[in-house]
Protein backbone atom coordinates (compact mmCIF):
# COMPACT_ATOMS: atom_id res chain seq x y z
CA MET A 1 0.00 0.00 0.00
CA GLU A 2 1.27 3.47 -0.91
CA ARG A 3 2.54 5.42 2.11
CA LYS A 4 0.84 8.73 2.96
CA PHE A 5 2.16 11.57 5.09
CA LEU A 6 0.47 13.72 7.70
CA VAL A 7 2.17 17.08 8.38
CA ILE A 8 1.07 18.49 11.74
CA SER A 9 1.72 22.07 12.86
CA CYS A 10 1.16 22.61 16.60
CA LYS A 11 2.72 24.72 19.35
CA ASN A 12 5.46 26.03 17.02
CA GLN A 13 6.36 22.44 16.12
CA ASN A 14 6.07 20.65 12.79
CA LYS A 15 5.92 16.85 12.60
CA LYS A 16 5.73 14.63 9.53
CA ILE A 17 4.13 11.26 10.24
CA GLY A 18 3.68 8.33 7.87
CA VAL A 19 0.22 6.79 7.84
CA GLU A 20 -1.66 4.20 5.77
CA ASN A 21 -4.84 6.26 5.31
CA PHE A 22 -6.22 9.64 6.32
CA ASP A 23 -9.10 9.21 8.75
CA VAL A 24 -10.52 11.99 10.92
CA ASN A 25 -10.69 9.86 14.07
CA ASP A 26 -7.15 8.54 13.57
CA ILE A 27 -5.82 12.08 13.03
CA ARG A 28 -7.45 13.33 16.23
CA LYS A 29 -5.95 10.38 18.15
CA ILE A 30 -2.47 11.08 16.77
CA VAL A 31 -2.72 14.73 17.81
CA LYS A 32 -3.89 13.80 21.31
CA ASP A 33 -1.13 11.20 21.77
CA ARG A 34 1.73 13.24 20.31
CA PHE A 35 0.91 16.69 21.68
CA PHE A 36 -1.03 15.82 24.86
CA ILE A 37 -4.03 17.91 23.87
CA GLU A 38 -7.31 16.53 25.14
CA ASN A 39 -9.70 18.67 23.06
CA PRO A 40 -7.86 19.88 19.92
CA HIS A 41 -9.44 22.02 17.24
CA ILE A 42 -7.94 20.81 13.96
CA THR A 43 -8.07 22.45 10.53
CA TYR A 44 -6.66 21.18 7.22
CA PHE A 45 -5.75 22.97 3.99
CA ASP A 46 -8.43 22.41 1.34
CA ASN A 47 -6.90 22.98 -2.11
CA ASP A 48 -10.34 23.32 -3.69
CA VAL A 49 -11.11 26.49 -1.74
CA ASP A 50 -7.51 27.58 -1.05
CA ASP A 51 -8.15 27.92 2.65
CA TRP A 52 -7.96 26.18 6.01
CA VAL A 53 -11.21 24.44 6.94
CA ASP A 54 -12.41 22.45 9.96
CA LEU A 55 -11.56 18.76 10.13
CA ASP A 56 -14.84 16.95 10.74
CA PRO A 57 -16.32 13.50 9.89
CA GLU A 58 -17.47 14.76 6.47
CA SER A 59 -13.82 15.53 5.59
CA ASN A 60 -12.99 11.83 5.09
CA GLU A 61 -14.47 11.95 1.59
CA TYR A 62 -12.05 14.73 0.54
CA LEU A 63 -9.03 13.23 2.30
CA ARG A 64 -9.35 9.82 0.64
CA ASP A 65 -7.23 10.55 -2.46
CA LEU A 66 -4.60 12.82 -0.88
CA LYS A 67 -0.99 11.73 -0.50
CA VAL A 68 0.10 14.56 1.82
CA LEU A 69 -2.23 16.28 4.30
CA LYS A 70 -1.29 19.47 6.14
CA VAL A 71 -3.14 20.15 9.38
CA LYS A 72 -3.00 22.87 12.02
CA VAL A 73 -3.81 22.21 15.65
CA HIS A 74 -5.41 25.02 17.63
CA VAL A 75 -5.49 24.54 21.39
CA VAL A 76 -9.01 25.14 22.67
CA ASP A 77 -9.19 27.24 25.85
CA GLU A 78 -9.95 24.88 28.68
CA ALA A 79 -8.91 24.05 32.20
CA PRO A 80 -5.41 22.53 32.06
CA THR A 81 -5.28 18.77 32.44
CA VAL A 82 -3.01 17.81 35.33
CA ILE A 83 -0.86 14.79 34.47
CA GLU A 84 0.61 12.99 37.46
CA PRO A 85 4.40 12.85 36.94
CA LYS A 86 6.38 9.70 37.66
CA GLN A 87 9.24 11.86 38.95
CA ASP A 88 9.40 15.05 40.94
CA SER A 89 10.40 17.07 37.92
CA CYS A 90 10.79 16.69 34.17
CA SER A 91 14.08 15.11 33.17
CA SER A 92 16.28 16.38 30.37
CA ASN A 93 15.52 13.17 28.44
CA GLU A 94 11.82 14.07 28.39
CA ASN A 95 12.62 17.45 26.88
CA GLU A 96 14.75 15.80 24.22
CA ASN A 97 11.70 13.75 23.20
CA ASN A 98 9.60 16.89 22.67
CA ILE A 99 7.53 16.26 25.81
CA PRO A 100 6.49 19.66 27.19
CA PRO A 101 7.45 20.38 30.82
CA LEU A 102 4.69 20.09 33.38
CA PRO A 103 3.21 23.41 34.55
CA PRO A 104 4.28 24.44 38.07
CA LEU A 105 1.64 24.16 40.76
CA PRO A 106 0.03 27.56 41.41
CA SER A 107 0.77 29.23 44.74
CA LEU A 108 -1.65 31.46 46.60
CA PRO A 109 -0.80 35.17 46.03
CA SER A 110 -0.04 37.44 48.92
CA THR A 111 -2.27 40.42 49.67
CA SER A 112 0.07 42.83 47.91
CA GLN A 113 0.33 40.51 44.92
CA GLN A 114 -3.47 40.26 44.78
CA GLN A 115 -3.75 44.07 44.74
CA GLU A 116 -1.21 44.23 41.90
CA GLN A 117 -3.15 41.66 39.90
CA ASN A 118 -6.37 43.62 40.38
CA VAL A 119 -4.73 46.77 39.02
CA ILE A 120 -3.42 44.84 35.98
CA LYS A 121 -6.90 43.39 35.34
CA GLU A 122 -8.39 46.88 35.34
CA LYS A 123 -5.88 48.10 32.74
CA THR A 124 -5.90 44.99 30.50
CA PRO A 125 -8.86 44.05 28.25
CA THR A 126 -10.44 40.64 28.83
CA PRO A 127 -8.27 38.10 26.98
CA SER A 128 -11.31 36.10 25.82
CA VAL A 129 -12.33 38.97 23.51
CA PRO A 130 -9.61 39.59 20.88
CA LYS A 131 -9.09 42.99 19.29
CA GLU A 132 -10.78 41.93 16.05
CA MET A 133 -13.92 40.94 17.93
CA GLN A 134 -13.92 44.14 20.00
CA LYS A 135 -14.06 46.14 16.76
CA LYS A 136 -16.97 44.01 15.52
CA LEU A 137 -19.00 44.86 18.60
CA THR A 138 -19.38 48.45 17.33
CA SER A 139 -21.72 48.09 14.32
CA LYS A 140 -22.72 50.67 11.73
CA SER A 141 -25.61 50.76 9.27
CA TRP A 142 -25.22 48.86 6.00
CA SER A 143 -24.98 50.90 2.81
CA LYS A 144 -26.48 49.55 -0.42
CA ILE A 145 -23.41 50.79 -2.32
CA TYR A 146 -20.58 48.84 -0.71
CA ARG A 147 -17.01 50.04 -1.16
CA VAL A 148 -14.27 47.44 -0.81
CA PRO A 149 -11.60 48.26 1.82
CA LYS A 150 -8.68 48.70 -0.61
CA GLY A 151 -6.61 50.31 2.13
CA ASN A 152 -6.64 47.03 4.07
CA PHE A 153 -5.39 44.88 1.17
CA ALA A 154 -1.74 43.82 1.13
CA ARG A 155 0.46 45.99 -1.09
CA GLY A 156 1.09 43.14 -3.53
CA VAL A 157 -2.65 42.51 -3.86
CA VAL A 158 -3.34 46.18 -4.62
CA ASP A 159 -0.60 46.19 -7.28
CA LYS A 160 -1.94 43.06 -9.00
CA LEU A 161 -5.52 44.30 -8.93
CA GLY A 162 -4.39 47.58 -10.43
CA ALA A 163 -2.49 45.76 -13.18
CA GLU A 164 -5.50 43.46 -13.76
CA GLU A 165 -3.43 40.34 -13.12
CA GLU A 166 -4.74 37.02 -11.81
CA LEU A 167 -4.47 36.71 -8.02
CA SER A 168 -2.70 33.78 -6.41
CA SER A 169 -4.42 31.73 -3.71
CA SER A 170 -2.73 33.61 -0.86
CA GLU A 171 -3.49 36.98 -2.45
CA ARG A 172 -7.16 36.10 -2.95
CA LYS A 173 -7.28 34.93 0.66
CA ASN A 174 -5.82 38.28 1.84
CA MET A 175 -8.42 40.21 -0.14
CA LEU A 176 -11.34 38.14 1.19
CA GLU A 177 -10.07 38.42 4.78
CA ALA A 178 -9.99 42.21 4.47
CA ILE A 179 -13.55 42.21 3.11
CA TYR A 180 -14.71 39.90 5.91
CA ASN A 181 -13.14 42.05 8.63
CA ASP A 182 -14.72 45.15 7.10
CA VAL A 183 -18.23 43.77 6.51
CA THR A 184 -18.49 42.28 10.02
CA LYS A 185 -18.25 45.78 11.46
CA PHE A 186 -21.66 46.53 9.95
CA ASP A 187 -25.00 45.78 11.52
CA GLY A 188 -25.92 42.27 10.35
CA GLY A 189 -22.48 41.80 8.81
CA MET A 190 -21.67 38.62 10.71
CA TYR A 191 -24.50 36.85 8.82
CA PRO A 192 -25.08 38.88 5.63
CA THR A 193 -28.30 38.40 3.70
CA SER A 194 -28.24 37.30 0.06
CA ASP A 195 -28.79 40.93 -0.97
CA MET A 196 -25.83 42.03 1.17
CA TYR A 197 -23.62 39.41 -0.47
CA ASP A 198 -24.78 40.74 -3.86
CA ASP A 199 -23.86 44.28 -2.73
CA ILE A 200 -20.38 43.05 -1.73
CA VAL A 201 -19.87 41.38 -5.11
CA ASP A 202 -21.16 44.51 -6.87
CA GLY A 203 -18.67 46.61 -4.93
CA LEU A 204 -15.78 44.30 -5.75
CA LEU A 205 -16.59 44.09 -9.47
CA ARG A 206 -17.35 47.81 -9.68
CA GLU A 207 -13.83 48.50 -8.41
CA TYR A 208 -12.16 45.71 -10.42
CA PRO A 209 -14.33 44.79 -13.46
CA TYR A 210 -11.69 42.47 -14.91
CA LEU A 211 -12.46 39.94 -12.14
CA LEU A 212 -15.55 39.02 -14.20
CA THR A 213 -13.22 37.15 -16.57
CA VAL A 214 -11.91 34.77 -13.89
CA GLY A 215 -11.36 31.21 -15.12
CA GLY A 216 -12.96 31.88 -18.50
CA LEU A 217 -16.45 31.69 -16.96
CA PRO A 218 -19.43 33.59 -18.42
CA ALA A 219 -20.18 36.87 -16.60
CA ASN A 220 -23.10 35.43 -14.63
CA SER A 221 -21.06 32.41 -13.56
CA ALA A 222 -18.13 34.66 -12.60
CA ARG A 223 -20.45 36.68 -10.35
CA THR A 224 -21.65 33.43 -8.80
CA PHE A 225 -18.00 32.34 -8.40
CA TRP A 226 -17.09 35.43 -6.36
CA LYS A 227 -20.30 35.34 -4.35
CA ASP A 228 -19.66 31.68 -3.55
CA ARG A 229 -16.06 32.43 -2.47
CA ILE A 230 -17.19 35.27 -0.23
CA ILE A 231 -20.00 33.21 1.33
CA TYR A 232 -17.58 30.36 1.98
CA LYS A 233 -15.04 32.75 3.53
CA PHE A 234 -17.67 34.07 5.94
CA GLY A 235 -18.82 30.59 6.88
CA ASN A 236 -15.29 29.32 7.47
CA ALA A 237 -14.26 32.42 9.47
CA ARG A 238 -17.33 32.04 11.70
CA LYS A 239 -16.30 28.45 12.42
CA THR A 240 -12.68 29.33 13.23
CA VAL A 241 -11.76 32.96 13.97
CA ASP A 242 -15.12 34.12 15.36
CA LYS A 243 -16.60 30.88 16.69
CA SER A 244 -16.88 32.42 20.20
CA HIS A 245 -18.58 35.58 18.96
CA GLN A 246 -21.88 36.12 20.78
CA GLU A 247 -23.90 36.27 17.55
CA VAL A 248 -22.29 33.08 16.19
CA VAL A 249 -22.93 31.19 19.45
CA GLN A 250 -26.59 32.29 19.51
CA LYS A 251 -27.09 31.35 15.85
CA LYS A 252 -25.56 27.93 16.42
CA ARG A 253 -27.80 27.34 19.43
CA LYS A 254 -30.92 28.30 17.44
CA LYS A 255 -29.88 26.00 14.59
CA GLU A 256 -29.40 23.08 16.97
CA GLN A 257 -32.83 23.70 18.51
CA LYS A 258 -34.41 23.84 15.05
CA MET A 259 -32.69 20.63 13.97
CA GLU A 260 -33.91 18.92 17.11
CA ALA A 261 -37.47 20.08 16.44
CA MET A 262 -37.32 18.88 12.81
CA LYS A 263 -35.62 15.58 13.58
CA ASP A 264 -38.79 13.55 13.09
CA LEU A 265 -39.93 15.37 9.93
CA LYS A 266 -39.25 13.70 6.58
CA GLN A 267 -37.27 15.87 4.18
CA PHE A 268 -37.72 15.67 0.41
CA THR A 269 -35.07 16.43 -2.17
CA TRP A 270 -37.34 18.32 -4.54
CA GLY A 271 -39.61 19.92 -1.93
CA LEU A 272 -42.46 17.46 -2.55
CA GLY A 273 -44.55 17.12 0.60
CA ASN A 274 -47.13 14.86 -1.05
CA PHE A 275 -44.74 12.39 -2.70
CA LEU A 276 -46.68 9.17 -2.00
CA PRO A 277 -50.03 10.07 -0.36
CA LYS A 278 -52.30 7.49 1.26
CA GLN A 279 -55.54 6.52 -0.41
CA SER A 280 -58.73 7.77 1.29
CA PRO A 281 -60.36 5.06 3.48
CA SER A 282 -63.63 5.64 1.59
CA GLU A 283 -62.08 4.41 -1.66
CA ASP A 284 -61.18 0.87 -2.72
CA GLU A 285 -59.90 -0.78 -5.90
CA THR A 286 -63.40 -0.99 -7.43
CA SER A 287 -64.30 2.66 -6.78
CA ILE A 288 -60.95 3.84 -8.15
CA LYS A 289 -61.53 1.90 -11.38
CA LEU A 290 -64.97 3.53 -11.72
CA HIS A 291 -63.43 7.00 -11.24
CA VAL A 292 -60.74 6.27 -13.83
CA SER A 293 -63.33 4.97 -16.33
CA TRP A 294 -65.45 8.11 -15.85
CA LEU A 295 -62.38 10.33 -16.40
CA LYS A 296 -61.52 8.49 -19.62
CA ARG A 297 -65.05 8.97 -20.95
CA GLU A 298 -65.09 12.64 -19.96
CA ASN A 299 -61.74 13.15 -21.65
CA LYS A 300 -63.27 12.10 -25.01
CA LYS A 301 -65.85 14.88 -24.88
CA SER A 302 -65.31 18.06 -26.85
CA ILE A 303 -68.20 20.02 -25.28
CA ASP A 304 -70.13 20.05 -22.00
CA ILE A 305 -67.14 18.82 -19.99
CA ASP A 306 -67.87 18.57 -16.26
CA HIS A 307 -64.75 20.42 -15.09
CA GLN A 308 -65.80 20.50 -11.46
CA ASN A 309 -66.18 16.72 -11.21
CA VAL A 310 -63.01 16.18 -13.24
CA LYS A 311 -61.08 18.10 -10.58
CA VAL A 312 -62.74 16.16 -7.76
CA LYS A 313 -62.02 12.77 -9.33
CA MET A 314 -58.44 13.75 -10.25
CA ASP A 315 -57.86 14.58 -6.58
CA ILE A 316 -59.42 11.27 -5.50
CA THR A 317 -57.30 9.22 -7.94
CA PHE A 318 -54.05 11.13 -7.30
CA PRO A 319 -52.71 8.58 -4.74
CA TYR A 320 -53.48 5.81 -7.24
CA ARG A 321 -51.55 7.54 -10.03
CA ARG A 322 -48.58 8.27 -7.76
CA SER A 323 -48.54 4.62 -6.74
CA LEU A 324 -48.27 3.62 -10.41
CA ILE A 325 -45.22 5.86 -10.82
CA VAL A 326 -43.48 4.84 -7.60
CA ASN A 327 -44.30 1.14 -7.44
CA ASP A 328 -44.70 0.17 -11.11
CA LYS A 329 -42.09 0.22 -13.87
CA LEU A 330 -43.25 3.08 -16.06
CA ALA A 331 -41.12 4.71 -18.75
CA ILE A 332 -38.70 6.79 -16.66
CA LEU A 333 -37.64 9.23 -19.38
CA ASP A 334 -41.28 9.93 -20.29
CA GLU A 335 -42.17 10.46 -16.62
CA PHE A 336 -39.34 12.97 -16.37
CA LYS A 337 -40.95 14.98 -19.18
CA ARG A 338 -44.41 14.81 -17.57
CA LEU A 339 -43.04 16.36 -14.37
CA CYS A 340 -42.18 19.52 -16.38
CA PRO A 341 -38.60 20.13 -15.16
CA ASN A 342 -37.48 23.77 -15.17
CA THR A 343 -34.90 23.13 -17.92
CA VAL A 344 -34.53 24.56 -21.44
CA THR A 345 -36.19 21.41 -22.79
CA ASP A 346 -37.79 18.47 -21.01
CA ASP A 347 -35.74 15.96 -23.05
CA ILE A 348 -32.93 14.94 -20.70
CA GLU A 349 -31.04 13.08 -23.44
CA GLU A 350 -30.98 16.20 -25.60
CA LEU A 351 -29.73 18.33 -22.68
CA MET A 352 -27.01 15.85 -21.75
CA GLY A 353 -25.92 15.29 -25.36
CA GLU A 354 -25.53 19.01 -26.05
CA SER A 355 -23.47 19.57 -22.88
CA LEU A 356 -21.21 16.60 -23.57
CA ARG A 357 -20.50 17.88 -27.09
CA LYS A 358 -19.45 21.16 -25.50
CA TYR A 359 -17.36 19.85 -22.60
CA ARG A 360 -16.17 16.30 -23.36
CA LYS A 361 -12.80 17.17 -24.96
CA ALA A 362 -11.93 19.54 -22.11
CA VAL A 363 -12.94 16.95 -19.49
CA LEU A 364 -10.75 14.34 -21.14
CA LYS A 365 -7.84 16.80 -21.31
CA VAL A 366 -8.11 17.87 -17.64
CA ASN A 367 -8.13 14.19 -16.61
CA THR A 368 -4.95 13.44 -18.55
CA GLY A 369 -2.37 11.93 -16.21
CA LYS A 370 -4.80 11.44 -13.33
CA LYS A 371 -5.17 8.10 -11.55
CA LYS A 372 -8.05 6.18 -13.15
CA PRO A 373 -9.96 3.00 -12.29
CA THR A 374 -9.11 -0.11 -14.32
CA PHE A 375 -12.43 -0.22 -16.17
CA LEU A 376 -11.92 3.36 -17.42
CA LYS A 377 -8.45 2.49 -18.73
CA GLU A 378 -10.02 -0.42 -20.62
CA ILE A 379 -12.61 1.91 -22.19
CA GLU A 380 -9.86 4.31 -23.31
CA HIS A 381 -7.91 1.40 -24.81
CA THR A 382 -10.99 0.14 -26.69
CA SER A 383 -11.81 3.66 -27.89
CA ALA A 384 -8.34 3.98 -29.42
CA GLN A 385 -9.16 1.01 -31.70
CA TYR A 386 -12.31 2.63 -33.14
CA ARG A 387 -12.09 3.75 -36.77
CA THR A 388 -15.24 5.84 -37.23
CA GLU A 389 -15.75 9.31 -35.78
CA SER A 390 -19.20 8.46 -34.44
CA GLN A 391 -17.79 5.50 -32.46
CA ARG A 392 -15.01 7.63 -31.01
CA ASN A 393 -17.40 10.44 -30.09
CA TYR A 394 -19.71 8.04 -28.27
CA ALA A 395 -16.76 6.51 -26.40
CA ASP A 396 -15.58 10.03 -25.47
CA ASP A 397 -19.09 10.78 -24.12
CA CYS A 398 -18.90 7.72 -21.85
CA ILE A 399 -15.33 8.54 -20.77
CA ALA A 400 -16.32 12.17 -20.04
CA ILE A 401 -19.28 11.08 -17.88
CA ILE A 402 -16.98 8.88 -15.79
CA GLY A 403 -14.26 11.55 -15.88
CA LEU A 404 -16.50 14.12 -14.19
CA PHE A 405 -16.70 11.85 -11.14
CA LEU A 406 -12.90 11.90 -10.97
CA LEU A 407 -12.75 15.69 -11.33
CA CYS A 408 -15.17 15.99 -8.40
CA LYS A 409 -12.91 13.58 -6.47
CA GLU A 410 -15.62 10.93 -6.16
CA ASN A 411 -15.70 7.23 -7.02
CA PRO A 412 -17.92 6.37 -10.04
CA GLU A 413 -18.05 2.71 -8.97
CA LYS A 414 -20.38 3.73 -6.13
CA ILE A 415 -23.22 3.81 -8.71
CA LEU A 416 -21.95 1.21 -11.23
CA LEU A 417 -22.66 -2.50 -10.80
CA PHE A 418 -20.70 -4.75 -13.20
CA SER A 419 -22.53 -8.07 -13.51
CA ARG A 420 -19.26 -9.90 -14.20
CA GLY A 421 -17.05 -8.06 -11.74
CA PRO A 422 -16.26 -8.30 -8.00
CA THR A 423 -19.23 -6.03 -7.17
CA ALA A 424 -21.77 -8.24 -8.98
CA CYS A 425 -23.57 -9.21 -5.76
CA THR A 426 -23.13 -5.89 -3.94
CA PRO A 427 -26.46 -4.44 -2.67
CA MET A 428 -27.11 -1.01 -4.19
CA ALA A 429 -29.69 1.61 -3.23
CA ILE A 430 -29.60 3.11 -6.72
CA GLY A 431 -27.27 2.65 -9.65
CA ILE A 432 -26.61 1.29 -13.14
CA LYS A 433 -26.25 -2.45 -13.68
CA ILE A 434 -23.90 -3.12 -16.60
CA ASN A 435 -24.67 -6.56 -18.02
CA GLN A 436 -21.79 -6.53 -20.53
CA ASN A 437 -19.42 -3.53 -20.66
CA ILE A 438 -19.85 0.25 -20.75
CA LEU A 439 -19.33 0.55 -24.53
CA SER A 440 -21.85 -2.21 -25.31
CA MET A 441 -24.88 -1.46 -27.47
CA ASP A 442 -27.31 -4.31 -27.10
CA ASN A 443 -30.92 -4.86 -26.08
CA GLU A 444 -31.27 -4.46 -22.28
CA ALA A 445 -27.48 -4.26 -21.84
CA PHE A 446 -28.05 -1.73 -19.00
CA GLU A 447 -30.54 -1.53 -16.14
CA ILE A 448 -31.35 1.09 -13.50
CA LEU A 449 -31.59 -0.56 -10.11
CA LEU A 450 -33.59 0.97 -7.27
CA GLU A 451 -33.22 -0.93 -4.00
CA ASN A 452 -31.93 -3.81 -6.18
CA GLU A 453 -35.13 -3.75 -8.25
CA SER A 454 -34.89 -3.06 -12.00
CA VAL A 455 -36.96 0.02 -12.93
CA PHE A 456 -35.55 0.87 -16.37
CA LYS A 457 -33.72 -1.00 -19.15
CA CYS A 458 -31.90 0.35 -22.19
CA GLU A 459 -29.26 -0.49 -24.77
CA ASN A 460 -26.41 1.98 -24.13
CA PHE A 461 -24.58 3.65 -21.26
CA PHE A 462 -25.46 7.21 -22.29
CA GLN A 463 -29.18 6.45 -22.12
CA ALA A 464 -28.66 4.54 -18.87
CA PHE A 465 -26.99 7.51 -17.20
CA CYS A 466 -29.75 9.85 -18.39
CA GLY A 467 -32.23 7.31 -17.03
CA LEU A 468 -30.41 7.27 -13.69
CA ILE A 469 -30.76 11.04 -13.29
CA ALA A 470 -34.40 10.90 -14.40
CA THR A 471 -35.06 8.11 -11.87
CA ILE A 472 -33.66 10.23 -9.05
CA TYR A 473 -35.96 13.06 -10.09
CA VAL A 474 -39.10 10.96 -10.72
CA PHE A 475 -38.80 8.92 -7.54
CA ASN A 476 -37.74 11.92 -5.47
CA ILE A 477 -34.52 10.33 -4.19
CA ALA A 478 -31.65 12.17 -2.55
CA TYR A 479 -28.33 12.00 -4.40
CA PRO A 480 -26.18 9.09 -3.13
CA LYS A 481 -23.85 10.68 -0.56
CA PRO A 482 -20.56 9.28 -1.96
CA VAL A 483 -21.24 10.89 -5.38
CA GLU A 484 -23.39 13.84 -4.34
CA LYS A 485 -21.14 16.58 -5.76
CA THR A 486 -20.87 14.91 -9.17
CA PHE A 487 -24.64 14.60 -9.50
CA MET A 488 -24.94 18.23 -8.43
CA PHE A 489 -22.55 19.14 -11.26
CA PHE A 490 -24.65 17.19 -13.78
CA GLN A 491 -27.82 18.81 -12.44
CA GLN A 492 -26.60 22.40 -12.42
CA VAL A 493 -24.10 22.52 -15.30
CA MET A 494 -24.90 19.71 -17.73
CA ILE A 495 -28.71 19.76 -17.49
CA GLY A 496 -29.42 23.18 -15.99
CA LEU A 497 -31.99 21.83 -13.54
CA LYS A 498 -32.65 24.23 -10.67
CA ASP A 499 -33.73 23.31 -7.16
CA GLU A 500 -36.95 24.40 -5.49
CA GLY A 501 -37.60 28.12 -6.04
CA GLY A 502 -35.63 28.19 -9.28
CA HIS A 503 -32.29 28.94 -7.58
CA HIS A 504 -28.98 27.08 -7.62
CA ASN A 505 -27.50 26.02 -4.30
CA ILE A 506 -24.02 25.89 -5.72
CA ASP A 507 -21.54 23.60 -4.03
CA LYS A 508 -18.16 25.20 -3.46
CA ARG A 509 -16.34 22.56 -5.52
CA ILE A 510 -18.56 22.69 -8.59
CA LEU A 511 -17.36 26.08 -9.78
CA GLY A 512 -13.76 25.01 -9.26
CA VAL A 513 -14.29 22.02 -11.57
CA LEU A 514 -16.13 24.18 -14.13
CA THR A 515 -13.33 26.77 -14.02
CA ASN A 516 -10.72 24.11 -14.80
CA ILE A 517 -12.83 22.78 -17.68
CA ASN A 518 -13.46 26.26 -19.13
CA ARG A 519 -9.77 27.10 -18.85
CA GLU A 520 -8.97 24.01 -20.91
CA LEU A 521 -11.68 24.89 -23.46
CA LYS A 522 -9.71 28.02 -24.37
CA ASN A 523 -6.76 25.85 -25.42
CA ILE A 524 -8.81 23.53 -27.66
C-alpha cells in the first residue's frame, strides 16, 4: 500500500508522520497522543477552496485521495489537564523527546500581589475577547453601495488588482479576509443576507471589473463564483476565527434547537410534501376503477365537460396515479418529461448530449495523467481502436461522464454495478447495472436498479446515465452521498436543472471544476 504523510503544525512544532490512510478519528488520536491535547481544534488545507477548513467527519471523503495532508492544531481554551508525573520534575531526556514540561503548581498570592493583579486586570482588556472581535462589537448601518476596503489589502494585492493580473491563492485569501473584517463591522455583517452578499460582489466588481473574466467563466457564472467564495469565507471564518462571537454562538444554538425540532420530519429532495399520499379510506380498488373509467369517458368529450367533477375525481385518484409511478415500472424518461422540469427542454437526453458535445474534450484533457480506475483504462484502450468518428465520439461521451466523477474527487463505482465483476452481488440503493461492458450497445445491456429492483432497461450507457438522473428526479430520491457533488454538477451545469424556487444552491467545488474545464476549453 502506498505510504501517505500527515504534516502536523502545533505549538510552534512541525511533525511529519507516515500513515496508511487519512481518517478523521485517527488524526485526532495522533494529535492527542503526540501533543497531549485533550480537546484539539484541527483544521486542514483544502486545495479546492484555497483555505484552512475544519476537520470533521465529512472531511474523510475529501481526504481519501490525498498523499500529503497538512493540518494545524489550535489549542481550545480549557482548564489545564493535570498529568501525574512519575518523577518530581521533568528530566532532560523528556525534553529531548519533545515532551512539554509540566506546569508548576500555582501558589496562593499574597495580599500585595493580589492588589497588583487587580490593578493589571483593570488596565488589561479581557483576553477572551480579541481585538478583532472588539471592533466588531461596534456596528454601523449597511450601505447599499458597498465600497471594498482597498486600504486594508496587502500591497502586492493592490498592485496586482491595479495591473489586472490574476491573483494567487494567498493573495485572494488576503483580499477576502480584508472584506470579511470590514463587513463584520456593519449591523448584520456577521451573517449577511443574500442581498448584502450581492452588494459586496457589486462593490468588488465595480472597483475591479476584470475579475468578471476569472477562469474563462461567463459573466453570470463569474459573479456566482465570487459570491460563492465570499459566502464560503464568511462561513469558514465564523467556524474558526469568530466561533466564540456572541452572535455566532446564539445562531448555532438556534440551529441546533431547530434541527432537534425537525428531527422527526421527513425531508424531500425536490420539496415534494405529497410524494406518496395514502388513499382515502372511503375508496377501494373498485371505486378507483370507476373513477378512472369516468375520467376516460369525460376526456373524449369536446363540449359540455364537467370540469368541477373532473377536478374532484383527479384529486381522489391522485394517490393511485402516484402509486403507479413509484411502485410500477413506467417509462422513466417519459415520466421525467411529464413532471415539467425547469430546464430549457424536457428531453434529458438532448440536454445531456448538447453539454457533452461542449465539454467532453476539455474533461478528457483535464483528466490526462490522473489516476483512473481499471475499467476506465479499458474503455480508453478500446476507444483507441475505433475507426469511425461516431464511435469515437460516443466513447468520449462515456469517458467524459466517468471523468466528471474523478474531477469531483468521487468514485464512479459507487453507482456502477458490473454483472461480471467483484461487485456483482453488492447491494445497491440506486445505480446502473452493466450486463456486458460500458461501450456495449445491445438490447437491455443496461438496467437502472432501485433498491436492487430493476426500474428501467436500455441499450447503451449514455441512455442509462440519463435514465439514472431521471429516476432520481421521478422517484424523489436524494443523491447518493458518496457521489453527491458529481450529481450536483450534472444537475446544475450539464442539465441546468434548478432546485426548489428556481435557484442554484451551488456547491463550493462545482465552480472550481467548471473553471478548470473552461480554462482548458480556451486551449482547444
